[in-house]
Amino acid sequence: MSWIDIAAAIAAQRHSNKDVVTASIDRINFVAPVYKGWVVNLKASVNYTSRTSMEVGVRVDAEDPKTGETFHTATAYTTFVALGANGKPIEVPSLELTTEDDKRRFSEGKARREQRLKEKRQD
């Protein structure tokens, strides 16, 4: 799980060009096990940006090095906030949505953010 947070932080930091802090990890969906000796690959991408926060999705795949077969093992959604030099939240660049996949991920990320905010208000 710490690898997921690290991969997501790298993606958020690269996108914002700022220091970032984890605000939340919504969920981690485990799909399949990773066995001892397998190679783990993580791919993180910024799905959605708000004013100072970013949703980063992380996909975890594992490879059996003996067969070369790759398996999707987990997916996670995280939220990061960019920080300015004063340690306070700072605006992040918006995403350039060039492909249909980019637009879909943005729309789905926006819906997840709205759900997170709705749940936060209910607490």
PDB file of N, CA and C in Angstrom:
ATOM      1  N   MET A   1       0.818  -1.190   0.000  1.00  0.00           N
ATOM      2  CA  MET A   1       0.000   0.000   0.000  1.00  0.00           C
ATOM      3  C   MET A   1       0.867   1.263   0.000  1.00  0.00           C
ATOM      4  N   SER A   2       2.018   1.173   0.633  1.00  0.00           N
ATOM      5  CA  SER A   2       2.887   2.354   0.630  1.00  0.00           C
ATOM      6  C   SER A   2       3.406   2.633  -0.779  1.00  0.00           C
ATOM      7  N   TRP A   3       3.598   1.586  -1.590  1.00  0.00           N
ATOM      8  CA  TRP A   3       4.035   1.800  -2.966  1.00  0.00           C
ATOM      9  C   TRP A   3       2.984   2.586  -3.745  1.00  0.00           C
ATOM     10  N   ILE A   4       1.722   2.298  -3.475  1.00  0.00           N
ATOM     11  CA  ILE A   4       0.636   3.022  -4.147  1.00  0.00           C
ATOM     12  C   ILE A   4       0.717   4.501  -3.806  1.00  0.00           C
ATOM     13  N   ASP A   5       0.904   4.806  -2.531  1.00  0.00           N
ATOM     14  CA  ASP A   5       0.994   6.199  -2.094  1.00  0.00           C
ATOM     15  C   ASP A   5       2.204   6.889  -2.727  1.00  0.00           C
ATOM     16  N   ILE A   6       3.318   6.191  -2.792  1.00  0.00           N
ATOM     17  CA  ILE A   6       4.533   6.766  -3.377  1.00  0.00           C
ATOM     18  C   ILE A   6       4.344   7.029  -4.875  1.00  0.00           C
ATOM     19  N   ALA A   7       3.808   6.056  -5.594  1.00  0.00           N
ATOM     20  CA  ALA A   7       3.596   6.229  -7.035  1.00  0.00           C
ATOM     21  C   ALA A   7       2.636   7.383  -7.309  1.00  0.00           C
ATOM     22  N   ALA A   8       1.565   7.466  -6.519  1.00  0.00           N
ATOM     23  CA  ALA A   8       0.596   8.547  -6.689  1.00  0.00           C
ATOM     24  C   ALA A   8       1.222   9.899  -6.368  1.00  0.00           C
ATOM     25  N   ALA A   9       2.033   9.955  -5.324  1.00  0.00           N
ATOM     26  CA  ALA A   9       2.689  11.215  -4.954  1.00  0.00           C
ATOM     27  C   ALA A   9       3.614  11.694  -6.062  1.00  0.00           C
ATOM     28  N   ILE A  10       4.326  10.782  -6.694  1.00  0.00           N
ATOM     29  CA  ILE A  10       5.221  11.154  -7.794  1.00  0.00           C
ATOM     30  C   ILE A  10       4.417  11.758  -8.945  1.00  0.00           C
ATOM     31  N   ALA A  11       3.295  11.127  -9.295  1.00  0.00           N
ATOM     32  CA  ALA A  11       2.463  11.649 -10.386  1.00  0.00           C
ATOM     33  C   ALA A  11       1.907  13.030 -10.036  1.00  0.00           C
ATOM     34  N   ALA A  12       1.450  13.200  -8.801  1.00  0.00           N
ATOM     35  CA  ALA A  12       0.891  14.484  -8.374  1.00  0.00           C
ATOM     36  C   ALA A  12       1.961  15.571  -8.359  1.00  0.00           C
ATOM     37  N   GLN A  13       3.139  15.211  -7.866  1.00  0.00           N
ATOM     38  CA  GLN A  13       4.229  16.189  -7.803  1.00  0.00           C
ATOM     39  C   GLN A  13       4.683  16.587  -9.213  1.00  0.00           C
ATOM     40  N   ARG A  14       4.766  15.623 -10.109  1.00  0.00           N
ATOM     41  CA  ARG A  14       5.158  15.936 -11.488  1.00  0.00           C
ATOM     42  C   ARG A  14       4.135  16.843 -12.155  1.00  0.00           C
ATOM     43  N   HIS A  15       2.850  16.562 -11.917  1.00  0.00           N
ATOM     44  CA  HIS A  15       1.812  17.377 -12.559  1.00  0.00           C
ATOM     45  C   HIS A  15       1.826  18.805 -12.017  1.00  0.00           C
ATOM     46  N   SER A  16       1.911  18.945 -10.706  1.00  0.00           N
ATOM     47  CA  SER A  16       1.799  20.263 -10.089  1.00  0.00           C
ATOM     48  C   SER A  16       3.123  21.022 -10.023  1.00  0.00           C
ATOM     49  N   ASN A  17       4.225  20.290 -10.118  1.00  0.00           N
ATOM     50  CA  ASN A  17       5.561  20.878  -9.950  1.00  0.00           C
ATOM     51  C   ASN A  17       5.690  21.539  -8.574  1.00  0.00           C
ATOM     52  N   LYS A  18       5.006  20.946  -7.596  1.00  0.00           N
ATOM     53  CA  LYS A  18       5.003  21.451  -6.218  1.00  0.00           C
ATOM     54  C   LYS A  18       5.174  20.278  -5.267  1.00  0.00           C
ATOM     55  N   ASP A  19       5.487  20.591  -4.013  1.00  0.00           N
ATOM     56  CA  ASP A  19       5.415  19.561  -2.979  1.00  0.00           C
ATOM     57  C   ASP A  19       3.948  19.185  -2.825  1.00  0.00           C
ATOM     58  N   VAL A  20       3.694  17.933  -2.505  1.00  0.00           N
ATOM     59  CA  VAL A  20       2.315  17.465  -2.346  1.00  0.00           C
ATOM     60  C   VAL A  20       2.190  16.658  -1.059  1.00  0.00           C
ATOM     61  N   VAL A  21       0.964  16.574  -0.586  1.00  0.00           N
ATOM     62  CA  VAL A  21       0.671  15.777   0.596  1.00  0.00           C
ATOM     63  C   VAL A  21      -0.565  14.937   0.320  1.00  0.00           C
ATOM     64  N   THR A  22      -0.561  13.720   0.841  1.00  0.00           N
ATOM     65  CA  THR A  22      -1.715  12.835   0.678  1.00  0.00           C
ATOM     66  C   THR A  22      -2.871  13.377   1.503  1.00  0.00           C
ATOM     67  N   ALA A  23      -4.014  13.599   0.859  1.00  0.00           N
ATOM     68  CA  ALA A  23      -5.212  14.043   1.566  1.00  0.00           C
ATOM     69  C   ALA A  23      -6.109  12.852   1.888  1.00  0.00           C
ATOM     70  N   SER A  24      -6.151  11.878   0.967  1.00  0.00           N
ATOM     71  CA  SER A  24      -6.979  10.692   1.222  1.00  0.00           C
ATOM     72  C   SER A  24      -6.609   9.569   0.265  1.00  0.00           C
ATOM     73  N   ILE A  25      -6.919   8.394   0.692  1.00  0.00           N
ATOM     74  CA  ILE A  25      -6.919   7.219  -0.173  1.00  0.00           C
ATOM     75  C   ILE A  25      -8.328   6.674  -0.063  1.00  0.00           C
ATOM     76  N   ASP A  26      -9.104   6.854  -1.125  1.00  0.00           N
ATOM     77  CA  ASP A  26     -10.522   6.495  -1.086  1.00  0.00           C
ATOM     78  C   ASP A  26     -10.741   5.010  -0.889  1.00  0.00           C
ATOM     79  N   ARG A  27     -10.102   4.273  -1.755  1.00  0.00           N
ATOM     80  CA  ARG A  27     -10.297   2.833  -1.701  1.00  0.00           C
ATOM     81  C   ARG A  27      -9.183   2.149  -2.449  1.00  0.00           C
ATOM     82  N   ILE A  28      -8.926   0.945  -2.024  1.00  0.00           N
ATOM     83  CA  ILE A  28      -8.002   0.077  -2.739  1.00  0.00           C
ATOM     84  C   ILE A  28      -8.777  -1.186  -3.047  1.00  0.00           C
ATOM     85  N   ASN A  29      -8.927  -1.469  -4.314  1.00  0.00           N
ATOM     86  CA  ASN A  29      -9.632  -2.675  -4.738  1.00  0.00           C
ATOM     87  C   ASN A  29      -8.598  -3.722  -5.107  1.00  0.00           C
ATOM     88  N   PHE A  30      -8.521  -4.782  -4.311  1.00  0.00           N
ATOM     89  CA  PHE A  30      -7.610  -5.880  -4.607  1.00  0.00           C
ATOM     90  C   PHE A  30      -8.327  -6.857  -5.531  1.00  0.00           C
ATOM     91  N   VAL A  31      -7.709  -7.116  -6.661  1.00  0.00           N
ATOM     92  CA  VAL A  31      -8.319  -7.948  -7.695  1.00  0.00           C
ATOM     93  C   VAL A  31      -7.728  -9.359  -7.697  1.00  0.00           C
ATOM     94  N   ALA A  32      -6.420  -9.440  -7.499  1.00  0.00           N
ATOM     95  CA  ALA A  32      -5.735 -10.733  -7.545  1.00  0.00           C
ATOM     96  C   ALA A  32      -4.499 -10.660  -6.651  1.00  0.00           C
ATOM     97  N   PRO A  33      -4.019 -11.792  -6.167  1.00  0.00           N
ATOM     98  CA  PRO A  33      -2.834 -11.778  -5.301  1.00  0.00           C
ATOM     99  C   PRO A  33      -1.540 -11.558  -6.091  1.00  0.00           C
ATOM    100  N   VAL A  34      -0.524 -11.105  -5.365  1.00  0.00           N
ATOM    101  CA  VAL A  34       0.831 -11.002  -5.902  1.00  0.00           C
ATOM    102  C   VAL A  34       1.648 -12.046  -5.148  1.00  0.00           C
ATOM    103  N   TYR A  35       2.275 -12.932  -5.876  1.00  0.00           N
ATOM    104  CA  TYR A  35       3.022 -14.013  -5.248  1.00  0.00           C
ATOM    105  C   TYR A  35       4.489 -13.647  -5.068  1.00  0.00           C
ATOM    106  N   LYS A  36       5.091 -14.261  -4.079  1.00  0.00           N
ATOM    107  CA  LYS A  36       6.501 -14.046  -3.783  1.00  0.00           C
ATOM    108  C   LYS A  36       7.328 -14.302  -5.044  1.00  0.00           C
ATOM    109  N   GLY A  37       8.242 -13.385  -5.320  1.00  0.00           N
ATOM    110  CA  GLY A  37       9.104 -13.522  -6.485  1.00  0.00           C
ATOM    111  C   GLY A  37       8.568 -12.868  -7.742  1.00  0.00           C
ATOM    112  N   TRP A  38       7.327 -12.397  -7.706  1.00  0.00           N
ATOM    113  CA  TRP A  38       6.766 -11.726  -8.865  1.00  0.00           C
ATOM    114  C   TRP A  38       7.228 -10.275  -8.915  1.00  0.00           C
ATOM    115  N   VAL A  39       7.198  -9.705 -10.108  1.00  0.00           N
ATOM    116  CA  VAL A  39       7.561  -8.309 -10.321  1.00  0.00           C
ATOM    117  C   VAL A  39       6.282  -7.477 -10.256  1.00  0.00           C
ATOM    118  N   VAL A  40       6.333  -6.384  -9.500  1.00  0.00           N
ATOM    119  CA  VAL A  40       5.168  -5.512  -9.352  1.00  0.00           C
ATOM    120  C   VAL A  40       5.398  -4.227 -10.138  1.00  0.00           C
ATOM    121  N   ASN A  41       4.422  -3.854 -10.954  1.00  0.00           N
ATOM    122  CA  ASN A  41       4.472  -2.624 -11.742  1.00  0.00           C
ATOM    123  C   ASN A  41       3.313  -1.736 -11.326  1.00  0.00           C
ATOM    124  N   LEU A  42       3.608  -0.469 -11.041  1.00  0.00           N
ATOM    125  CA  LEU A  42       2.578   0.493 -10.673  1.00  0.00           C
ATOM    126  C   LEU A  42       2.543   1.603 -11.717  1.00  0.00           C
ATOM    127  N   LYS A  43       1.331   1.975 -12.103  1.00  0.00           N
ATOM    128  CA  LYS A  43       1.161   3.075 -13.049  1.00  0.00           C
ATOM    129  C   LYS A  43       0.190   4.070 -12.423  1.00  0.00           C
ATOM    130  N   ALA A  44       0.651   5.299 -12.247  1.00  0.00           N
ATOM    131  CA  ALA A  44      -0.171   6.337 -11.625  1.00  0.00           C
ATOM    132  C   ALA A  44      -0.441   7.444 -12.640  1.00  0.00           C
ATOM    133  N   SER A  45      -1.666   7.965 -12.608  1.00  0.00           N
ATOM    134  CA  SER A  45      -1.998   9.074 -13.495  1.00  0.00           C
ATOM    135  C   SER A  45      -2.963  10.019 -12.798  1.00  0.00           C
ATOM    136  N   VAL A  46      -2.774  11.302 -13.061  1.00  0.00           N
ATOM    137  CA  VAL A  46      -3.682  12.304 -12.518  1.00  0.00           C
ATOM    138  C   VAL A  46      -4.957  12.243 -13.349  1.00  0.00           C
ATOM    139  N   ASN A  47      -6.066  11.917 -12.682  1.00  0.00           N
ATOM    140  CA  ASN A  47      -7.354  11.782 -13.363  1.00  0.00           C
ATOM    141  C   ASN A  47      -8.146  13.075 -13.377  1.00  0.00           C
ATOM    142  N   TYR A  48      -8.048  13.831 -12.277  1.00  0.00           N
ATOM    143  CA  TYR A  48      -8.910  14.991 -12.092  1.00  0.00           C
ATOM    144  C   TYR A  48      -8.157  16.038 -11.281  1.00  0.00           C
ATOM    145  N   THR A  49      -8.351  17.303 -11.617  1.00  0.00           N
ATOM    146  CA  THR A  49      -7.788  18.386 -10.812  1.00  0.00           C
ATOM    147  C   THR A  49      -8.906  19.315 -10.396  1.00  0.00           C
ATOM    148  N   SER A  50      -8.789  19.778  -9.173  1.00  0.00           N
ATOM    149  CA  SER A  50      -9.659  20.824  -8.653  1.00  0.00           C
ATOM    150  C   SER A  50      -8.783  22.062  -8.512  1.00  0.00           C
ATOM    151  N   ARG A  51      -9.091  22.946  -7.597  1.00  0.00           N
ATOM    152  CA  ARG A  51      -8.287  24.159  -7.454  1.00  0.00           C
ATOM    153  C   ARG A  51      -6.900  23.853  -6.897  1.00  0.00           C
ATOM    154  N   THR A  52      -6.842  23.125  -5.768  1.00  0.00           N
ATOM    155  CA  THR A  52      -5.555  22.819  -5.132  1.00  0.00           C
ATOM    156  C   THR A  52      -5.319  21.325  -4.971  1.00  0.00           C
ATOM    157  N   SER A  53      -6.294  20.517  -5.384  1.00  0.00           N
ATOM    158  CA  SER A  53      -6.174  19.072  -5.182  1.00  0.00           C
ATOM    159  C   SER A  53      -6.225  18.324  -6.505  1.00  0.00           C
ATOM    160  N   MET A  54      -5.744  17.092  -6.438  1.00  0.00           N
ATOM    161  CA  MET A  54      -5.701  16.226  -7.615  1.00  0.00           C
ATOM    162  C   MET A  54      -6.103  14.819  -7.216  1.00  0.00           C
ATOM    163  N   GLU A  55      -6.931  14.175  -8.034  1.00  0.00           N
ATOM    164  CA  GLU A  55      -7.181  12.756  -7.839  1.00  0.00           C
ATOM    165  C   GLU A  55      -6.189  11.998  -8.712  1.00  0.00           C
ATOM    166  N   VAL A  56      -5.502  11.045  -8.103  1.00  0.00           N
ATOM    167  CA  VAL A  56      -4.544  10.223  -8.828  1.00  0.00           C
ATOM    168  C   VAL A  56      -5.005   8.778  -8.742  1.00  0.00           C
ATOM    169  N   GLY A  57      -5.151   8.147  -9.886  1.00  0.00           N
ATOM    170  CA  GLY A  57      -5.478   6.731  -9.932  1.00  0.00           C
ATOM    171  C   GLY A  57      -4.202   5.920 -10.074  1.00  0.00           C
ATOM    172  N   VAL A  58      -4.165   4.790  -9.390  1.00  0.00           N
ATOM    173  CA  VAL A  58      -2.996   3.911  -9.466  1.00  0.00           C
ATOM    174  C   VAL A  58      -3.463   2.515  -9.838  1.00  0.00           C
ATOM    175  N   ARG A  59      -2.845   1.965 -10.854  1.00  0.00           N
ATOM    176  CA  ARG A  59      -3.106   0.591 -11.268  1.00  0.00           C
ATOM    177  C   ARG A  59      -1.872  -0.245 -10.923  1.00  0.00           C
ATOM    178  N   VAL A  60      -2.110  -1.371 -10.275  1.00  0.00           N
ATOM    179  CA  VAL A  60      -1.026  -2.261  -9.884  1.00  0.00           C
ATOM    180  C   VAL A  60      -1.160  -3.552 -10.687  1.00  0.00           C
ATOM    181  N   ASP A  61      -0.096  -3.896 -11.390  1.00  0.00           N
ATOM    182  CA  ASP A  61      -0.027  -5.151 -12.129  1.00  0.00           C
ATOM    183  C   ASP A  61       1.143  -5.956 -11.595  1.00  0.00           C
ATOM    184  N   ALA A  62       1.018  -7.264 -11.655  1.00  0.00           N
ATOM    185  CA  ALA A  62       2.113  -8.138 -11.239  1.00  0.00           C
ATOM    186  C   ALA A  62       2.454  -9.065 -12.396  1.00  0.00           C
ATOM    187  N   GLU A  63       3.731  -9.376 -12.510  1.00  0.00           N
ATOM    188  CA  GLU A  63       4.204 -10.239 -13.588  1.00  0.00           C
ATOM    189  C   GLU A  63       4.877 -11.473 -12.997  1.00  0.00           C
ATOM    190  N   ASP A  64       4.473 -12.602 -13.494  1.00  0.00           N
ATOM    191  CA  ASP A  64       5.155 -13.846 -13.139  1.00  0.00           C
ATOM    192  C   ASP A  64       6.398 -13.906 -14.019  1.00  0.00           C
ATOM    193  N   PRO A  65       7.586 -13.731 -13.442  1.00  0.00           N
ATOM    194  CA  PRO A  65       8.796 -13.670 -14.278  1.00  0.00           C
ATOM    195  C   PRO A  65       9.126 -14.985 -14.973  1.00  0.00           C
ATOM    196  N   LYS A  66       8.570 -16.089 -14.489  1.00  0.00           N
ATOM    197  CA  LYS A  66       8.839 -17.391 -15.123  1.00  0.00           C
ATOM    198  C   LYS A  66       8.060 -17.565 -16.415  1.00  0.00           C
ATOM    199  N   THR A  67       6.847 -16.965 -16.466  1.00  0.00           N
ATOM    200  CA  THR A  67       6.022 -17.140 -17.661  1.00  0.00           C
ATOM    201  C   THR A  67       5.872 -15.851 -18.467  1.00  0.00           C
ATOM    202  N   GLY A  68       6.167 -14.715 -17.823  1.00  0.00           N
ATOM    203  CA  GLY A  68       5.973 -13.429 -18.483  1.00  0.00           C
ATOM    204  C   GLY A  68       4.530 -12.966 -18.452  1.00  0.00           C
ATOM    205  N   GLU A  69       3.654 -13.762 -17.849  1.00  0.00           N
ATOM    206  CA  GLU A  69       2.237 -13.420 -17.782  1.00  0.00           C
ATOM    207  C   GLU A  69       2.027 -12.275 -16.785  1.00  0.00           C
ATOM    208  N   THR A  70       1.186 -11.311 -17.162  1.00  0.00           N
ATOM    209  CA  THR A  70       0.904 -10.153 -16.328  1.00  0.00           C
ATOM    210  C   THR A  70      -0.539 -10.199 -15.846  1.00  0.00           C
ATOM    211  N   PHE A  71      -0.743  -9.799 -14.578  1.00  0.00           N
ATOM    212  CA  PHE A  71      -2.062  -9.829 -13.959  1.00  0.00           C
ATOM    213  C   PHE A  71      -2.363  -8.478 -13.324  1.00  0.00           C
ATOM    214  N   HIS A  72      -3.582  -7.988 -13.522  1.00  0.00           N
ATOM    215  CA  HIS A  72      -4.034  -6.792 -12.813  1.00  0.00           C
ATOM    216  C   HIS A  72      -4.331  -7.226 -11.384  1.00  0.00           C
ATOM    217  N   THR A  73      -3.691  -6.574 -10.417  1.00  0.00           N
ATOM    218  CA  THR A  73      -3.844  -7.019  -9.030  1.00  0.00           C
ATOM    219  C   THR A  73      -4.548  -6.016  -8.124  1.00  0.00           C
ATOM    220  N   ALA A  74      -4.504  -4.734  -8.430  1.00  0.00           N
ATOM    221  CA  ALA A  74      -5.170  -3.755  -7.565  1.00  0.00           C
ATOM    222  C   ALA A  74      -5.349  -2.427  -8.295  1.00  0.00           C
ATOM    223  N   THR A  75      -6.334  -1.671  -7.826  1.00  0.00           N
ATOM    224  CA  THR A  75      -6.584  -0.316  -8.290  1.00  0.00           C
ATOM    225  C   THR A  75      -6.865   0.547  -7.074  1.00  0.00           C
ATOM    226  N   ALA A  76      -6.355   1.774  -7.078  1.00  0.00           N
ATOM    227  CA  ALA A  76      -6.592   2.683  -5.959  1.00  0.00           C
ATOM    228  C   ALA A  76      -6.838   4.090  -6.475  1.00  0.00           C
ATOM    229  N   TYR A  77      -7.616   4.843  -5.709  1.00  0.00           N
ATOM    230  CA  TYR A  77      -7.852   6.251  -5.989  1.00  0.00           C
ATOM    231  C   TYR A  77      -7.397   7.060  -4.786  1.00  0.00           C
ATOM    232  N   THR A  78      -6.534   8.037  -5.043  1.00  0.00           N
ATOM    233  CA  THR A  78      -5.949   8.852  -3.982  1.00  0.00           C
ATOM    234  C   THR A  78      -6.193  10.326  -4.294  1.00  0.00           C
ATOM    235  N   THR A  79      -6.116  11.151  -3.267  1.00  0.00           N
ATOM    236  CA  THR A  79      -6.231  12.596  -3.452  1.00  0.00           C
ATOM    237  C   THR A  79      -5.003  13.252  -2.835  1.00  0.00           C
ATOM    238  N   PHE A  80      -4.414  14.164  -3.575  1.00  0.00           N
ATOM    239  CA  PHE A  80      -3.246  14.908  -3.113  1.00  0.00           C
ATOM    240  C   PHE A  80      -3.520  16.398  -3.199  1.00  0.00           C
ATOM    241  N   VAL A  81      -2.924  17.145  -2.284  1.00  0.00           N
ATOM    242  CA  VAL A  81      -3.009  18.601  -2.278  1.00  0.00           C
ATOM    243  C   VAL A  81      -1.603  19.141  -2.512  1.00  0.00           C
ATOM    244  N   ALA A  82      -1.509  20.129  -3.403  1.00  0.00           N
ATOM    245  CA  ALA A  82      -0.226  20.776  -3.680  1.00  0.00           C
ATOM    246  C   ALA A  82       0.018  21.850  -2.631  1.00  0.00           C
ATOM    247  N   LEU A  83       1.276  21.980  -2.228  1.00  0.00           N
ATOM    248  CA  LEU A  83       1.639  22.956  -1.200  1.00  0.00           C
ATOM    249  C   LEU A  83       2.611  23.985  -1.752  1.00  0.00           C
ATOM    250  N   GLY A  84       2.394  25.235  -1.372  1.00  0.00           N
ATOM    251  CA  GLY A  84       3.299  26.317  -1.734  1.00  0.00           C
ATOM    252  C   GLY A  84       4.476  26.353  -0.777  1.00  0.00           C
ATOM    253  N   ALA A  85       5.362  27.309  -0.982  1.00  0.00           N
ATOM    254  CA  ALA A  85       6.556  27.442  -0.147  1.00  0.00           C
ATOM    255  C   ALA A  85       6.210  27.685   1.315  1.00  0.00           C
ATOM    256  N   ASN A  86       5.023  28.251   1.565  1.00  0.00           N
ATOM    257  CA  ASN A  86       4.582  28.528   2.934  1.00  0.00           C
ATOM    258  C   ASN A  86       3.883  27.333   3.585  1.00  0.00           C
ATOM    259  N   GLY A  87       3.815  26.214   2.858  1.00  0.00           N
ATOM    260  CA  GLY A  87       3.171  25.016   3.399  1.00  0.00           C
ATOM    261  C   GLY A  87       1.660  25.022   3.299  1.00  0.00           C
ATOM    262  N   LYS A  88       1.104  26.025   2.644  1.00  0.00           N
ATOM    263  CA  LYS A  88      -0.351  26.143   2.469  1.00  0.00           C
ATOM    264  C   LYS A  88      -0.735  25.643   1.073  1.00  0.00           C
ATOM    265  N   PRO A  89      -1.988  25.164   0.924  1.00  0.00           N
ATOM    266  CA  PRO A  89      -2.432  24.714  -0.403  1.00  0.00           C
ATOM    267  C   PRO A  89      -2.273  25.796  -1.456  1.00  0.00           C
ATOM    268  N   ILE A  90      -1.881  25.352  -2.642  1.00  0.00           N
ATOM    269  CA  ILE A  90      -1.650  26.265  -3.762  1.00  0.00           C
ATOM    270  C   ILE A  90      -2.321  25.681  -5.009  1.00  0.00           C
ATOM    271  N   GLU A  91      -2.704  26.544  -5.925  1.00  0.00           N
ATOM    272  CA  GLU A  91      -3.405  26.092  -7.137  1.00  0.00           C
ATOM    273  C   GLU A  91      -2.535  25.165  -7.973  1.00  0.00           C
ATOM    274  N   VAL A  92      -3.223  24.208  -8.601  1.00  0.00           N
ATOM    275  CA  VAL A  92      -2.542  23.265  -9.489  1.00  0.00           C
ATOM    276  C   VAL A  92      -2.983  23.528 -10.927  1.00  0.00           C
ATOM    277  N   PRO A  93      -2.137  23.177 -11.877  1.00  0.00           N
ATOM    278  CA  PRO A  93      -2.533  23.347 -13.281  1.00  0.00           C
ATOM    279  C   PRO A  93      -3.706  22.426 -13.625  1.00  0.00           C
ATOM    280  N   SER A  94      -4.544  22.894 -14.518  1.00  0.00           N
ATOM    281  CA  SER A  94      -5.634  22.033 -14.980  1.00  0.00           C
ATOM    282  C   SER A  94      -5.059  20.984 -15.925  1.00  0.00           C
ATOM    283  N   LEU A  95      -5.839  19.955 -16.160  1.00  0.00           N
ATOM    284  CA  LEU A  95      -5.406  18.880 -17.061  1.00  0.00           C
ATOM    285  C   LEU A  95      -5.728  19.236 -18.499  1.00  0.00           C
ATOM    286  N   GLU A  96      -4.888  18.803 -19.403  1.00  0.00           N
ATOM    287  CA  GLU A  96      -5.177  18.916 -20.832  1.00  0.00           C
ATOM    288  C   GLU A  96      -5.846  17.617 -21.247  1.00  0.00           C
ATOM    289  N   LEU A  97      -7.131  17.692 -21.534  1.00  0.00           N
ATOM    290  CA  LEU A  97      -7.909  16.500 -21.868  1.00  0.00           C
ATOM    291  C   LEU A  97      -7.922  16.337 -23.385  1.00  0.00           C
ATOM    292  N   THR A  98      -7.004  15.520 -23.885  1.00  0.00           N
ATOM    293  CA  THR A  98      -6.860  15.397 -25.332  1.00  0.00           C
ATOM    294  C   THR A  98      -7.527  14.157 -25.903  1.00  0.00           C
ATOM    295  N   THR A  99      -7.623  13.104 -25.114  1.00  0.00           N
ATOM    296  CA  THR A  99      -8.215  11.868 -25.625  1.00  0.00           C
ATOM    297  C   THR A  99      -9.560  11.600 -24.953  1.00  0.00           C
ATOM    298  N   GLU A 100     -10.314  10.715 -25.547  1.00  0.00           N
ATOM    299  CA  GLU A 100     -11.595  10.318 -24.940  1.00  0.00           C
ATOM    300  C   GLU A 100     -11.359   9.654 -23.587  1.00  0.00           C
ATOM    301  N   ASP A 101     -10.271   8.909 -23.469  1.00  0.00           N
ATOM    302  CA  ASP A 101      -9.929   8.274 -22.197  1.00  0.00           C
ATOM    303  C   ASP A 101      -9.631   9.333 -21.131  1.00  0.00           C
ATOM    304  N   ASP A 102      -8.904  10.391 -21.510  1.00  0.00           N
ATOM    305  CA  ASP A 102      -8.633  11.500 -20.579  1.00  0.00           C
ATOM    306  C   ASP A 102      -9.941  12.124 -20.097  1.00  0.00           C
ATOM    307  N   LYS A 103     -10.852  12.361 -21.024  1.00  0.00           N
ATOM    308  CA  LYS A 103     -12.143  12.975 -20.689  1.00  0.00           C
ATOM    309  C   LYS A 103     -12.969  12.068 -19.790  1.00  0.00           C
ATOM    310  N   ARG A 104     -12.957  10.775 -20.064  1.00  0.00           N
ATOM    311  CA  ARG A 104     -13.700   9.814 -19.236  1.00  0.00           C
ATOM    312  C   ARG A 104     -13.132   9.777 -17.823  1.00  0.00           C
ATOM    313  N   ARG A 105     -11.802   9.674 -17.701  1.00  0.00           N
ATOM    314  CA  ARG A 105     -11.173   9.617 -16.376  1.00  0.00           C
ATOM    315  C   ARG A 105     -11.444  10.896 -15.599  1.00  0.00           C
ATOM    316  N   PHE A 106     -11.416  12.058 -16.275  1.00  0.00           N
ATOM    317  CA  PHE A 106     -11.701  13.331 -15.625  1.00  0.00           C
ATOM    318  C   PHE A 106     -13.139  13.348 -15.095  1.00  0.00           C
ATOM    319  N   SER A 107     -14.068  12.952 -15.933  1.00  0.00           N
ATOM    320  CA  SER A 107     -15.482  12.938 -15.546  1.00  0.00           C
ATOM    321  C   SER A 107     -15.734  11.994 -14.373  1.00  0.00           C
ATOM    322  N   GLU A 108     -15.147  10.816 -14.434  1.00  0.00           N
ATOM    323  CA  GLU A 108     -15.302   9.851 -13.343  1.00  0.00           C
ATOM    324  C   GLU A 108     -14.633  10.356 -12.063  1.00  0.00           C
ATOM    325  N   GLY A 109     -13.480  11.011 -12.192  1.00  0.00           N
ATOM    326  CA  GLY A 109     -12.798  11.582 -11.041  1.00  0.00           C
ATOM    327  C   GLY A 109     -13.610  12.702 -10.406  1.00  0.00           C
ATOM    328  N   LYS A 110     -14.233  13.508 -11.243  1.00  0.00           N
ATOM    329  CA  LYS A 110     -15.087  14.584 -10.738  1.00  0.00           C
ATOM    330  C   LYS A 110     -16.257  14.002  -9.947  1.00  0.00           C
ATOM    331  N   ALA A 111     -16.857  12.957 -10.461  1.00  0.00           N
ATOM    332  CA  ALA A 111     -17.976  12.311  -9.754  1.00  0.00           C
ATOM    333  C   ALA A 111     -17.517  11.734  -8.415  1.00  0.00           C
ATOM    334  N   ARG A 112     -16.329  11.114  -8.387  1.00  0.00           N
ATOM    335  CA  ARG A 112     -15.808  10.587  -7.121  1.00  0.00           C
ATOM    336  C   ARG A 112     -15.549  11.722  -6.133  1.00  0.00           C
ATOM    337  N   ARG A 113     -15.022  12.855  -6.615  1.00  0.00           N
ATOM    338  CA  ARG A 113     -14.781  13.999  -5.728  1.00  0.00           C
ATOM    339  C   ARG A 113     -16.087  14.499  -5.136  1.00  0.00           C
ATOM    340  N   GLU A 114     -17.109  14.624  -5.973  1.00  0.00           N
ATOM    341  CA  GLU A 114     -18.416  15.074  -5.476  1.00  0.00           C
ATOM    342  C   GLU A 114     -18.956  14.118  -4.419  1.00  0.00           C
ATOM    343  N   GLN A 115     -18.757  12.816  -4.615  1.00  0.00           N
ATOM    344  CA  GLN A 115     -19.199  11.828  -3.635  1.00  0.00           C
ATOM    345  C   GLN A 115     -18.404  11.960  -2.341  1.00  0.00           C
ATOM    346  N   ARG A 116     -17.090  12.169  -2.441  1.00  0.00           N
ATOM    347  CA  ARG A 116     -16.262  12.362  -1.244  1.00  0.00           C
ATOM    348  C   ARG A 116     -16.731  13.573  -0.447  1.00  0.00           C
ATOM    349  N   LEU A 117     -17.009  14.681  -1.147  1.00  0.00           N
ATOM    350  CA  LEU A 117     -17.460  15.891  -0.472  1.00  0.00           C
ATOM    351  C   LEU A 117     -18.828  15.687   0.171  1.00  0.00           C
ATOM    352  N   LYS A 118     -19.691  14.963  -0.502  1.00  0.00           N
ATOM    353  CA  LYS A 118     -21.026  14.661   0.042  1.00  0.00           C
ATOM    354  C   LYS A 118     -20.891  13.838   1.328  1.00  0.00           C
ATOM    355  N   GLU A 119     -20.024  12.826   1.302  1.00  0.00           N
ATOM    356  CA  GLU A 119     -19.820  11.998   2.486  1.00  0.00           C
ATOM    357  C   GLU A 119     -19.197  12.797   3.618  1.00  0.00           C
ATOM    358  N   LYS A 120     -18.286  13.719   3.287  1.00  0.00           N
ATOM    359  CA  LYS A 120     -17.634  14.554   4.293  1.00  0.00           C
ATOM    360  C   LYS A 120     -18.647  15.447   5.005  1.00  0.00           C
ATOM    361  N   ARG A 121     -19.616  15.980   4.248  1.00  0.00           N
ATOM    362  CA  ARG A 121     -20.644  16.855   4.839  1.00  0.00           C
ATOM    363  C   ARG A 121     -21.552  16.068   5.779  1.00  0.00           C
ATOM    364  N   GLN A 122     -21.698  14.758   5.535  1.00  0.00           N
ATOM    365  CA  GLN A 122     -22.578  13.939   6.358  1.00  0.00           C
ATOM    366  C   GLN A 122     -21.925  13.529   7.674  1.00  0.00           C
ATOM    367  N   ASP A 123     -20.604  13.637   7.774  1.00  0.00           N
ATOM    368  CA  ASP A 123     -19.902  13.240   9.014  1.00  0.00           C
ATOM    369  C   ASP A 123     -20.178  14.166  10.161  1.00  0.00           C
TER     370      ASP A 123
END
